[in-house]
Amino acid sequence: MRFLFILLFCLPSVSIADSTTEIAYLLDMIKQTDCRYQRNGKFYQGTEALEHIEKKRAYFQDEIHSAEDFIRLSASKSSLSGKAYLIHCPNKAAEPSQTWLLRALADYRQLKPSQLSK
């Protein structure tokens, strides 16, 4: 019984650490991308998009408990207009940033940590 209590007590901290690492990965991806973010009709390079997304992340920090929360609250649509952010990558059709980021998150989760540092 004591083992179960310890296990349950430790699980949230593991998932918080995982979420923090996943969010950091997504933020770096946004910053480094050669794709452009479209937000409310205007286009932004990765670094410009990152600045806005970081502000939204700070605003919603108490509600973000997972990478999916981060994507939904900070990086997928305008809080004012409700319009989805779009990602325009070279030689690809535009797609919602939520789709783009969730795919990147799934890809990240498939990689082993040792592969990420290479």
N, C-alpha and C. Protein backbone atom coordinates (compact mmCIF):
# COMPACT_ATOMS: atom_id res chain seq x y z
N MET A 1 0.82 -1.20 0.00
CA MET A 1 0.00 0.00 0.00
C MET A 1 0.86 1.26 0.00
N ARG A 2 1.94 1.25 0.79
CA ARG A 2 2.84 2.39 0.84
C ARG A 2 3.44 2.67 -0.54
N PHE A 3 3.79 1.62 -1.27
CA PHE A 3 4.36 1.76 -2.61
C PHE A 3 3.37 2.46 -3.53
N LEU A 4 2.10 2.07 -3.46
CA LEU A 4 1.07 2.69 -4.30
C LEU A 4 0.95 4.18 -3.99
N PHE A 5 0.98 4.54 -2.72
CA PHE A 5 0.91 5.94 -2.34
C PHE A 5 2.10 6.72 -2.90
N ILE A 6 3.29 6.17 -2.76
CA ILE A 6 4.49 6.83 -3.28
C ILE A 6 4.41 6.97 -4.78
N LEU A 7 3.97 5.93 -5.46
CA LEU A 7 3.84 5.96 -6.91
C LEU A 7 2.85 7.04 -7.35
N LEU A 8 1.70 7.09 -6.73
CA LEU A 8 0.70 8.09 -7.08
C LEU A 8 1.18 9.50 -6.76
N PHE A 9 1.92 9.65 -5.69
CA PHE A 9 2.45 10.95 -5.31
C PHE A 9 3.48 11.45 -6.32
N CYS A 10 4.27 10.55 -6.85
CA CYS A 10 5.36 10.92 -7.77
C CYS A 10 4.89 11.12 -9.20
N LEU A 11 3.82 10.50 -9.61
CA LEU A 11 3.37 10.59 -11.00
C LEU A 11 3.11 12.00 -11.49
N PRO A 12 2.43 12.86 -10.72
CA PRO A 12 2.19 14.21 -11.24
C PRO A 12 3.47 14.97 -11.55
N SER A 13 4.50 14.82 -10.73
CA SER A 13 5.74 15.56 -10.99
C SER A 13 6.42 15.06 -12.25
N VAL A 14 6.29 13.79 -12.54
CA VAL A 14 6.86 13.25 -13.78
C VAL A 14 6.12 13.85 -14.97
N SER A 15 4.80 13.89 -14.92
CA SER A 15 4.06 14.42 -16.06
C SER A 15 4.27 15.92 -16.22
N ILE A 16 4.45 16.63 -15.12
CA ILE A 16 4.74 18.06 -15.21
C ILE A 16 6.09 18.27 -15.88
N ALA A 17 7.06 17.49 -15.48
CA ALA A 17 8.39 17.60 -16.10
C ALA A 17 8.31 17.26 -17.59
N ASP A 18 7.58 16.20 -17.92
CA ASP A 18 7.42 15.82 -19.32
C ASP A 18 6.74 16.94 -20.10
N SER A 19 5.68 17.51 -19.54
CA SER A 19 4.97 18.59 -20.22
C SER A 19 5.86 19.79 -20.44
N THR A 20 6.65 20.13 -19.45
CA THR A 20 7.56 21.27 -19.57
C THR A 20 8.56 21.03 -20.70
N THR A 21 9.09 19.84 -20.78
CA THR A 21 10.05 19.49 -21.84
C THR A 21 9.36 19.52 -23.20
N GLU A 22 8.15 18.99 -23.27
CA GLU A 22 7.42 18.98 -24.53
C GLU A 22 7.09 20.40 -25.00
N ILE A 23 6.66 21.23 -24.08
CA ILE A 23 6.33 22.62 -24.42
C ILE A 23 7.60 23.35 -24.88
N ALA A 24 8.69 23.13 -24.19
CA ALA A 24 9.96 23.76 -24.59
C ALA A 24 10.34 23.33 -26.01
N TYR A 25 10.13 22.06 -26.32
CA TYR A 25 10.42 21.56 -27.66
C TYR A 25 9.55 22.28 -28.70
N LEU A 26 8.26 22.41 -28.41
CA LEU A 26 7.34 23.07 -29.34
C LEU A 26 7.70 24.55 -29.52
N LEU A 27 8.04 25.21 -28.44
CA LEU A 27 8.43 26.62 -28.53
C LEU A 27 9.68 26.78 -29.39
N ASP A 28 10.64 25.90 -29.21
CA ASP A 28 11.85 25.97 -30.02
C ASP A 28 11.53 25.70 -31.49
N MET A 29 10.64 24.77 -31.72
CA MET A 29 10.24 24.46 -33.09
C MET A 29 9.60 25.69 -33.76
N ILE A 30 8.72 26.37 -33.03
CA ILE A 30 8.07 27.57 -33.55
C ILE A 30 9.12 28.63 -33.87
N LYS A 31 10.07 28.80 -32.98
CA LYS A 31 11.12 29.80 -33.17
C LYS A 31 11.99 29.49 -34.38
N GLN A 32 12.31 28.22 -34.59
CA GLN A 32 13.27 27.82 -35.63
C GLN A 32 12.64 27.58 -37.00
N THR A 33 11.34 27.50 -37.07
CA THR A 33 10.69 27.10 -38.32
C THR A 33 10.89 28.11 -39.45
N ASP A 34 10.89 27.58 -40.67
CA ASP A 34 10.89 28.48 -41.83
C ASP A 34 9.46 28.68 -42.33
N CYS A 35 8.50 28.12 -41.60
CA CYS A 35 7.08 28.33 -41.89
C CYS A 35 6.66 29.68 -41.30
N ARG A 36 5.55 30.21 -41.82
CA ARG A 36 5.04 31.47 -41.30
C ARG A 36 3.69 31.23 -40.61
N TYR A 37 3.51 31.90 -39.49
CA TYR A 37 2.24 31.87 -38.76
C TYR A 37 1.33 32.93 -39.36
N GLN A 38 0.08 32.59 -39.57
CA GLN A 38 -0.92 33.59 -39.96
C GLN A 38 -1.86 33.75 -38.79
N ARG A 39 -1.92 34.98 -38.30
CA ARG A 39 -2.77 35.29 -37.15
C ARG A 39 -3.59 36.52 -37.48
N ASN A 40 -4.92 36.33 -37.50
CA ASN A 40 -5.85 37.42 -37.80
C ASN A 40 -5.49 38.15 -39.10
N GLY A 41 -5.15 37.37 -40.12
CA GLY A 41 -4.89 37.93 -41.44
C GLY A 41 -3.48 38.43 -41.68
N LYS A 42 -2.65 38.48 -40.66
CA LYS A 42 -1.27 38.94 -40.82
C LYS A 42 -0.32 37.75 -40.68
N PHE A 43 0.83 37.88 -41.37
CA PHE A 43 1.83 36.81 -41.36
C PHE A 43 2.99 37.18 -40.44
N TYR A 44 3.50 36.16 -39.74
CA TYR A 44 4.59 36.36 -38.78
C TYR A 44 5.63 35.26 -38.96
N GLN A 45 6.89 35.65 -38.87
CA GLN A 45 7.97 34.68 -38.83
C GLN A 45 7.95 33.97 -37.48
N GLY A 46 8.68 32.89 -37.37
CA GLY A 46 8.69 32.10 -36.14
C GLY A 46 9.01 32.88 -34.89
N THR A 47 10.02 33.72 -34.95
CA THR A 47 10.40 34.48 -33.76
C THR A 47 9.31 35.46 -33.33
N GLU A 48 8.63 36.05 -34.31
CA GLU A 48 7.53 36.97 -34.01
C GLU A 48 6.33 36.20 -33.43
N ALA A 49 6.05 35.06 -34.01
CA ALA A 49 4.95 34.23 -33.50
C ALA A 49 5.26 33.76 -32.09
N LEU A 50 6.50 33.39 -31.86
CA LEU A 50 6.91 32.92 -30.54
C LEU A 50 6.68 33.98 -29.48
N GLU A 51 6.99 35.21 -29.79
CA GLU A 51 6.81 36.30 -28.83
C GLU A 51 5.34 36.40 -28.40
N HIS A 52 4.44 36.34 -29.36
CA HIS A 52 3.01 36.41 -29.05
C HIS A 52 2.55 35.18 -28.25
N ILE A 53 2.99 34.02 -28.68
CA ILE A 53 2.59 32.76 -28.03
C ILE A 53 3.10 32.72 -26.59
N GLU A 54 4.31 33.22 -26.36
CA GLU A 54 4.86 33.27 -25.00
C GLU A 54 4.01 34.17 -24.09
N LYS A 55 3.52 35.29 -24.63
CA LYS A 55 2.66 36.16 -23.85
C LYS A 55 1.37 35.44 -23.47
N LYS A 56 0.79 34.73 -24.43
CA LYS A 56 -0.43 33.99 -24.15
C LYS A 56 -0.17 32.86 -23.17
N ARG A 57 0.97 32.22 -23.29
CA ARG A 57 1.34 31.15 -22.36
C ARG A 57 1.42 31.69 -20.94
N ALA A 58 2.03 32.84 -20.75
CA ALA A 58 2.13 33.46 -19.43
C ALA A 58 0.73 33.78 -18.88
N TYR A 59 -0.14 34.28 -19.75
CA TYR A 59 -1.50 34.63 -19.34
C TYR A 59 -2.28 33.39 -18.87
N PHE A 60 -2.11 32.29 -19.58
CA PHE A 60 -2.86 31.06 -19.28
C PHE A 60 -2.08 30.07 -18.41
N GLN A 61 -0.98 30.49 -17.82
CA GLN A 61 -0.09 29.56 -17.13
C GLN A 61 -0.79 28.68 -16.09
N ASP A 62 -1.77 29.20 -15.39
CA ASP A 62 -2.45 28.41 -14.36
C ASP A 62 -3.37 27.33 -14.96
N GLU A 63 -3.69 27.45 -16.23
CA GLU A 63 -4.57 26.49 -16.89
C GLU A 63 -3.80 25.49 -17.76
N ILE A 64 -2.52 25.70 -17.91
CA ILE A 64 -1.72 24.81 -18.77
C ILE A 64 -1.08 23.72 -17.91
N HIS A 65 -1.55 22.50 -18.12
CA HIS A 65 -1.05 21.34 -17.37
C HIS A 65 -0.44 20.28 -18.29
N SER A 66 -0.51 20.53 -19.58
CA SER A 66 0.01 19.56 -20.55
C SER A 66 0.39 20.31 -21.83
N ALA A 67 1.12 19.62 -22.68
CA ALA A 67 1.47 20.22 -23.97
C ALA A 67 0.20 20.49 -24.79
N GLU A 68 -0.78 19.61 -24.66
CA GLU A 68 -2.04 19.82 -25.38
C GLU A 68 -2.76 21.08 -24.89
N ASP A 69 -2.72 21.33 -23.58
CA ASP A 69 -3.29 22.56 -23.04
C ASP A 69 -2.57 23.78 -23.60
N PHE A 70 -1.25 23.70 -23.65
CA PHE A 70 -0.45 24.79 -24.20
C PHE A 70 -0.87 25.09 -25.65
N ILE A 71 -0.98 24.05 -26.45
CA ILE A 71 -1.36 24.23 -27.86
C ILE A 71 -2.75 24.86 -27.94
N ARG A 72 -3.70 24.30 -27.21
CA ARG A 72 -5.08 24.77 -27.28
C ARG A 72 -5.23 26.21 -26.80
N LEU A 73 -4.57 26.55 -25.72
CA LEU A 73 -4.77 27.87 -25.11
C LEU A 73 -3.85 28.95 -25.66
N SER A 74 -2.65 28.58 -26.08
CA SER A 74 -1.65 29.59 -26.43
C SER A 74 -1.28 29.66 -27.90
N ALA A 75 -1.45 28.57 -28.63
CA ALA A 75 -0.83 28.53 -29.95
C ALA A 75 -1.74 28.09 -31.09
N SER A 76 -3.05 28.12 -30.88
CA SER A 76 -3.91 27.60 -31.95
C SER A 76 -4.95 28.57 -32.48
N LYS A 77 -5.35 29.57 -31.69
CA LYS A 77 -6.35 30.51 -32.19
C LYS A 77 -6.30 31.82 -31.43
N SER A 78 -6.86 32.82 -32.03
CA SER A 78 -6.93 34.15 -31.43
C SER A 78 -7.95 34.14 -30.30
N SER A 79 -7.54 34.65 -29.17
CA SER A 79 -8.47 34.77 -28.04
C SER A 79 -9.51 35.85 -28.30
N LEU A 80 -9.17 36.82 -29.12
CA LEU A 80 -10.10 37.92 -29.40
C LEU A 80 -11.08 37.58 -30.51
N SER A 81 -10.57 37.14 -31.65
CA SER A 81 -11.46 36.89 -32.80
C SER A 81 -11.97 35.46 -32.85
N GLY A 82 -11.25 34.53 -32.19
CA GLY A 82 -11.62 33.12 -32.25
C GLY A 82 -11.14 32.42 -33.52
N LYS A 83 -10.47 33.16 -34.41
CA LYS A 83 -9.97 32.58 -35.66
C LYS A 83 -8.75 31.71 -35.40
N ALA A 84 -8.73 30.58 -36.09
CA ALA A 84 -7.59 29.67 -35.96
C ALA A 84 -6.35 30.29 -36.57
N TYR A 85 -5.20 30.05 -35.94
CA TYR A 85 -3.92 30.42 -36.53
C TYR A 85 -3.63 29.39 -37.62
N LEU A 86 -3.05 29.85 -38.71
CA LEU A 86 -2.66 28.95 -39.79
C LEU A 86 -1.15 28.93 -39.92
N ILE A 87 -0.63 27.80 -40.37
CA ILE A 87 0.79 27.65 -40.63
C ILE A 87 0.98 27.51 -42.13
N HIS A 88 1.86 28.33 -42.68
CA HIS A 88 2.18 28.29 -44.10
C HIS A 88 3.64 27.86 -44.22
N CYS A 89 3.84 26.61 -44.65
CA CYS A 89 5.19 26.08 -44.84
C CYS A 89 5.49 26.03 -46.34
N PRO A 90 6.76 26.21 -46.69
CA PRO A 90 7.13 26.18 -48.11
C PRO A 90 6.67 24.88 -48.79
N ASN A 91 6.09 25.06 -49.96
CA ASN A 91 5.66 23.93 -50.80
C ASN A 91 4.63 23.01 -50.15
N LYS A 92 3.84 23.54 -49.22
CA LYS A 92 2.79 22.76 -48.57
C LYS A 92 1.55 23.64 -48.45
N ALA A 93 0.42 22.98 -48.38
CA ALA A 93 -0.84 23.71 -48.15
C ALA A 93 -0.86 24.25 -46.72
N ALA A 94 -1.48 25.40 -46.55
CA ALA A 94 -1.63 25.95 -45.20
C ALA A 94 -2.47 25.00 -44.36
N GLU A 95 -2.17 24.96 -43.07
CA GLU A 95 -2.93 24.11 -42.16
C GLU A 95 -3.07 24.80 -40.81
N PRO A 96 -4.08 24.43 -40.03
CA PRO A 96 -4.23 25.03 -38.70
C PRO A 96 -2.99 24.75 -37.84
N SER A 97 -2.58 25.73 -37.09
CA SER A 97 -1.40 25.54 -36.23
C SER A 97 -1.63 24.42 -35.23
N GLN A 98 -2.86 24.24 -34.79
CA GLN A 98 -3.15 23.17 -33.84
C GLN A 98 -2.79 21.81 -34.46
N THR A 99 -3.16 21.59 -35.71
CA THR A 99 -2.84 20.35 -36.41
C THR A 99 -1.33 20.18 -36.53
N TRP A 100 -0.65 21.25 -36.94
CA TRP A 100 0.79 21.24 -37.12
C TRP A 100 1.52 20.93 -35.82
N LEU A 101 1.09 21.58 -34.73
CA LEU A 101 1.74 21.38 -33.44
C LEU A 101 1.42 20.02 -32.83
N LEU A 102 0.19 19.56 -32.96
CA LEU A 102 -0.14 18.23 -32.44
C LEU A 102 0.64 17.14 -33.17
N ARG A 103 0.83 17.31 -34.47
CA ARG A 103 1.64 16.35 -35.22
C ARG A 103 3.09 16.38 -34.75
N ALA A 104 3.62 17.57 -34.55
CA ALA A 104 4.99 17.71 -34.05
C ALA A 104 5.13 17.08 -32.67
N LEU A 105 4.13 17.27 -31.82
CA LEU A 105 4.14 16.68 -30.49
C LEU A 105 4.12 15.16 -30.56
N ALA A 106 3.28 14.61 -31.43
CA ALA A 106 3.23 13.15 -31.60
C ALA A 106 4.57 12.62 -32.10
N ASP A 107 5.17 13.32 -33.05
CA ASP A 107 6.49 12.92 -33.56
C ASP A 107 7.53 12.96 -32.44
N TYR A 108 7.50 14.02 -31.65
CA TYR A 108 8.43 14.16 -30.53
C TYR A 108 8.29 13.00 -29.55
N ARG A 109 7.07 12.66 -29.24
CA ARG A 109 6.83 11.57 -28.28
C ARG A 109 7.28 10.21 -28.81
N GLN A 110 7.37 10.07 -30.12
CA GLN A 110 7.83 8.81 -30.71
C GLN A 110 9.35 8.67 -30.63
N LEU A 111 10.04 9.80 -30.54
CA LEU A 111 11.50 9.77 -30.48
C LEU A 111 11.99 9.40 -29.09
N LYS A 112 13.11 8.75 -29.05
CA LYS A 112 13.74 8.49 -27.77
C LYS A 112 14.54 9.72 -27.40
N PRO A 113 14.63 10.05 -26.09
CA PRO A 113 15.38 11.25 -25.69
C PRO A 113 16.79 11.29 -26.25
N SER A 114 17.45 10.16 -26.39
CA SER A 114 18.81 10.15 -26.90
C SER A 114 18.85 10.60 -28.36
N GLN A 115 17.78 10.37 -29.11
CA GLN A 115 17.74 10.77 -30.51
C GLN A 115 17.57 12.27 -30.66
N LEU A 116 16.95 12.92 -29.68
CA LEU A 116 16.69 14.35 -29.77
C LEU A 116 17.95 15.18 -29.67
N SER A 117 18.94 14.69 -28.95
CA SER A 117 20.15 15.48 -28.77
C SER A 117 21.10 15.35 -29.94
N LYS A 118 20.81 14.47 -30.90
CA LYS A 118 21.69 14.29 -32.05
C LYS A 118 21.45 15.34 -33.09
